[in-house]
Amino acid sequence: QVQLVESGGGLVQAGGSLRLSCAASGGTFSRSHMGWFLQAPGKEREFVAAISRSGYTTYYGDSVKGRFTISRDNAKNTVYLQMNNLKPEDTAVYYCAAKNTIAGEGRRDYDYDYWGQGTQVTISS
C-alpha cells in the first residue's frame, strides 16, 4: 500500500510562487508514474501535470503549461510541483497521485491507484 503526503500549500499573492512536495512511502516509488491534480470548490478534479517513472518525460495541462514544472527525486521518494506566476484561478486543493501502469500520459484521474490527502493552495488577487 502506497501512502502519499503532500505539503507546501499556502496563501500567496497573484504572481507569486509555491513549491508543492509529495512524499511517497510503502511502495517502490521509482516504479510509479506520478501526477498532480487540482480540485476547486464545486468543480471536477482537473489534471495539472504528470511525470514518467524516470522523470525524463513530463505532461502538463493547458492552463498551467509554461508556469508549472513537475519533477521527481527517486532517491528521496518525492515528486515536486513548482508553481510560478500564480493566478487566482489556480486556487484549489492540489492532490498527488501514483499509478503503477505505464500506459498513457497520466491525464485521467481514474488511471491512478493511490492518492494523497491534498494540500490547499490559495491565490489572492
Protein backbone atom coordinates (compact mmCIF):
# COMPACT_ATOMS: atom_id res chain seq x y z
CA GLN A 1 0.00 0.00 0.00
CA VAL A 2 1.42 3.34 -1.08
CA GLN A 3 0.98 6.39 1.11
CA LEU A 4 1.29 9.88 -0.35
CA VAL A 5 1.62 13.02 1.74
CA GLU A 6 1.51 16.45 0.14
CA SER A 7 2.96 19.60 1.64
CA GLY A 8 3.85 23.13 0.62
CA GLY A 9 0.44 24.64 0.07
CA GLY A 10 -0.49 28.04 1.41
CA LEU A 11 -1.68 31.54 0.67
CA VAL A 12 0.26 33.70 -1.78
CA GLN A 13 -0.44 36.77 -3.86
CA ALA A 14 -1.04 36.60 -7.58
CA GLY A 15 2.25 36.46 -9.45
CA GLY A 16 3.95 34.61 -6.64
CA SER A 17 5.34 31.09 -6.45
CA LEU A 18 4.89 27.94 -4.42
CA ARG A 19 6.54 24.55 -4.48
CA LEU A 20 4.46 21.54 -3.56
CA SER A 21 6.04 18.30 -2.42
CA CYS A 22 4.60 14.81 -2.29
CA ALA A 23 6.44 12.23 -0.22
CA ALA A 24 5.72 8.59 -1.01
CA SER A 25 6.15 5.56 1.23
CA GLY A 26 5.11 1.94 1.31
CA GLY A 27 5.92 1.07 -2.27
CA THR A 28 8.58 1.28 -4.95
CA PHE A 29 8.44 4.94 -5.87
CA SER A 30 10.66 4.62 -8.92
CA ARG A 31 8.13 2.25 -10.48
CA SER A 32 5.25 4.71 -10.15
CA HIS A 33 4.12 7.22 -12.71
CA MET A 34 3.21 10.32 -10.69
CA GLY A 35 0.66 13.04 -11.25
CA TRP A 36 -0.75 16.22 -9.77
CA PHE A 37 -4.41 17.17 -9.95
CA LEU A 38 -6.38 20.09 -8.58
CA GLN A 39 -9.96 20.45 -7.47
CA ALA A 40 -11.61 23.81 -6.96
CA PRO A 41 -14.82 24.12 -4.93
CA GLY A 42 -17.82 22.92 -6.88
CA LYS A 43 -15.71 21.74 -9.81
CA GLU A 44 -14.42 18.44 -11.09
CA ARG A 45 -10.89 17.30 -10.48
CA GLU A 46 -8.54 18.65 -13.14
CA PHE A 47 -5.25 17.33 -14.49
CA VAL A 48 -2.25 19.53 -13.72
CA ALA A 49 0.90 17.58 -14.54
CA ALA A 50 2.38 14.10 -14.73
CA ILE A 51 5.86 12.64 -14.85
CA SER A 52 7.20 9.30 -16.00
CA ARG A 53 9.00 6.85 -13.77
CA SER A 54 12.42 8.04 -14.86
CA GLY A 55 11.47 11.70 -14.78
CA TYR A 56 12.53 12.20 -18.37
CA THR A 57 9.00 12.69 -19.72
CA THR A 58 6.52 15.23 -18.41
CA TYR A 59 2.99 16.27 -19.33
CA TYR A 60 1.04 19.40 -18.45
CA GLY A 61 -2.50 20.66 -18.52
CA ASP A 62 -3.11 23.58 -20.85
CA SER A 63 -3.90 26.00 -18.04
CA VAL A 64 -0.52 25.53 -16.34
CA LYS A 65 1.82 24.94 -19.26
CA GLY A 66 4.77 27.32 -19.10
CA ARG A 67 4.09 28.24 -15.45
CA PHE A 68 4.30 24.95 -13.55
CA THR A 69 7.09 22.37 -13.55
CA ILE A 70 6.82 18.81 -12.29
CA SER A 71 9.92 16.95 -11.19
CA ARG A 72 10.85 13.96 -9.05
CA ASP A 73 13.71 12.71 -6.94
CA ASN A 74 13.59 8.93 -6.86
CA ALA A 75 16.31 8.81 -4.21
CA LYS A 76 14.04 10.81 -1.89
CA ASN A 77 10.76 9.19 -2.97
CA THR A 78 9.38 12.64 -3.65
CA VAL A 79 7.65 14.41 -6.50
CA TYR A 80 7.50 18.19 -6.73
CA LEU A 81 5.33 20.78 -8.40
CA GLN A 82 6.97 24.16 -8.84
CA MET A 83 4.27 26.74 -9.47
CA ASN A 84 5.23 30.17 -10.78
CA ASN A 85 3.24 33.20 -11.85
CA LEU A 86 0.29 32.01 -9.84
CA LYS A 87 -3.17 33.29 -10.65
CA PRO A 88 -6.34 33.48 -8.53
CA GLU A 89 -7.87 30.77 -10.74
CA ASP A 90 -5.15 28.38 -9.55
CA THR A 91 -6.83 28.35 -6.14
CA ALA A 92 -7.76 24.76 -5.32
CA VAL A 93 -6.84 21.71 -3.34
CA TYR A 94 -3.90 20.02 -5.03
CA TYR A 95 -3.60 16.25 -4.94
CA CYS A 96 -0.66 13.99 -5.64
CA ALA A 97 -1.36 10.60 -7.22
CA ALA A 98 0.55 7.48 -8.19
CA LYS A 99 -0.14 4.82 -10.77
CA ASN A 100 1.71 1.63 -11.45
CA THR A 101 0.68 1.16 -15.06
CA ILE A 102 2.89 2.72 -17.68
CA ALA A 103 0.31 3.07 -20.43
CA GLY A 104 -0.91 6.57 -21.18
CA GLU A 105 0.25 10.02 -20.23
CA GLY A 106 -1.49 10.05 -16.87
CA ARG A 107 -4.02 12.78 -17.65
CA ARG A 108 -7.03 10.78 -16.41
CA ASP A 109 -7.61 10.67 -12.68
CA TYR A 110 -9.26 7.25 -12.85
CA ASP A 111 -5.98 5.72 -14.06
CA TYR A 112 -4.34 6.38 -10.71
CA ASP A 113 -4.15 3.83 -7.93
CA TYR A 114 -3.16 5.95 -4.92
CA TRP A 115 -3.95 9.48 -3.78
CA GLY A 116 -2.73 11.88 -1.14
CA GLN A 117 -4.98 13.85 1.16
CA GLY A 118 -4.44 17.11 -0.68
CA THR A 119 -2.95 20.49 0.16
CA GLN A 120 -4.77 23.81 -0.12
CA VAL A 121 -3.38 26.48 -2.43
CA THR A 122 -4.99 29.91 -2.26
CA ILE A 123 -4.00 32.77 -4.52
CA SER A 124 -5.12 36.26 -3.62
CA SER A 125 -5.61 38.96 -6.24
